[in-house]
């Protein structure tokens, strides 16, 4: 489970960075939007696996998991 949470956190960071990048560089939207949507799909898949095992808060979904 910890491995999935770490992977989720990593992809969430990449997703947010990608969104920020295309907001700051709208001319690059078409170049990067598919990659950002791939991150989103993978995040949804990982989140579904985690939610099958435990309850997940909105804070964890939007901000990532606290890994001990």
Protein backbone atom coordinates (compact mmCIF):
# COMPACT_ATOMS: atom_id res chain seq x y z
CA UNK A 1 0.00 0.00 0.00
CA UNK A 2 2.85 2.38 0.81
CA UNK A 3 4.30 1.87 -2.67
CA UNK A 4 0.97 2.87 -4.25
CA UNK A 5 0.75 5.95 -2.05
CA UNK A 6 4.28 7.02 -2.98
CA UNK A 7 3.50 6.52 -6.65
CA UNK A 8 0.28 8.51 -6.23
CA UNK A 9 2.14 11.37 -4.55
CA UNK A 10 4.78 11.41 -7.28
CA UNK A 11 2.22 11.47 -10.11
CA UNK A 12 0.08 14.05 -8.32
CA UNK A 13 3.09 16.34 -8.14
CA UNK A 14 3.82 15.83 -11.85
CA UNK A 15 0.15 16.44 -12.66
CA UNK A 16 0.05 19.72 -10.72
CA UNK A 17 3.37 20.84 -12.22
CA UNK A 18 2.05 20.08 -15.71
CA UNK A 19 -1.16 22.02 -15.09
CA UNK A 20 0.82 24.97 -13.78
CA UNK A 21 3.16 24.84 -16.75
CA UNK A 22 0.42 24.97 -19.36
CA UNK A 23 -1.33 27.77 -17.45
CA UNK A 24 1.90 29.79 -17.63
CA UNK A 25 2.63 28.70 -21.23
CA UNK A 26 -0.70 28.38 -23.04
CA UNK A 27 1.10 28.07 -26.37
CA UNK A 28 2.39 24.67 -25.16
CA UNK A 29 -1.09 23.34 -24.35
CA UNK A 30 -1.42 21.03 -27.35
CA UNK A 31 2.06 19.65 -26.83
CA UNK A 32 1.56 18.61 -23.19
CA UNK A 33 -2.15 18.09 -22.56
CA UNK A 34 -2.09 14.40 -23.51
CA UNK A 35 0.72 13.69 -21.02
CA UNK A 36 -1.15 15.55 -18.28
CA UNK A 37 -4.30 13.57 -19.02
CA UNK A 38 -2.24 10.35 -18.84
CA UNK A 39 -1.13 11.40 -15.34
CA UNK A 40 -4.78 12.01 -14.41
CA UNK A 41 -5.87 8.57 -15.63
CA UNK A 42 -3.05 6.86 -13.76
CA UNK A 43 -3.88 8.83 -10.61
CA UNK A 44 -7.49 7.67 -10.85
CA UNK A 45 -6.40 4.04 -11.27
CA UNK A 46 -4.06 4.18 -8.27
CA UNK A 47 -6.64 5.96 -6.15
CA UNK A 48 -9.22 3.30 -6.93
CA UNK A 49 -6.83 0.57 -5.74
CA UNK A 50 -6.11 2.47 -2.53
CA UNK A 51 -9.80 3.14 -1.90
CA UNK A 52 -10.53 -0.57 -2.22
CA UNK A 53 -8.34 -1.09 0.85
CA UNK A 54 -9.03 1.98 2.97
CA UNK A 55 -11.04 5.16 3.28
CA UNK A 56 -9.37 8.17 1.65
CA UNK A 57 -10.05 11.78 2.61
CA UNK A 58 -10.52 14.64 0.17
CA UNK A 59 -7.36 16.19 1.60
CA UNK A 60 -5.39 13.06 0.67
CA UNK A 61 -6.89 12.98 -2.81
CA UNK A 62 -6.01 16.59 -3.54
CA UNK A 63 -2.80 16.93 -1.53
CA UNK A 64 -1.32 13.47 -1.45
CA UNK A 65 -0.71 10.97 1.31
CA UNK A 66 1.44 11.47 4.39
CA UNK A 67 4.02 8.70 4.28
CA UNK A 68 5.62 7.83 7.61
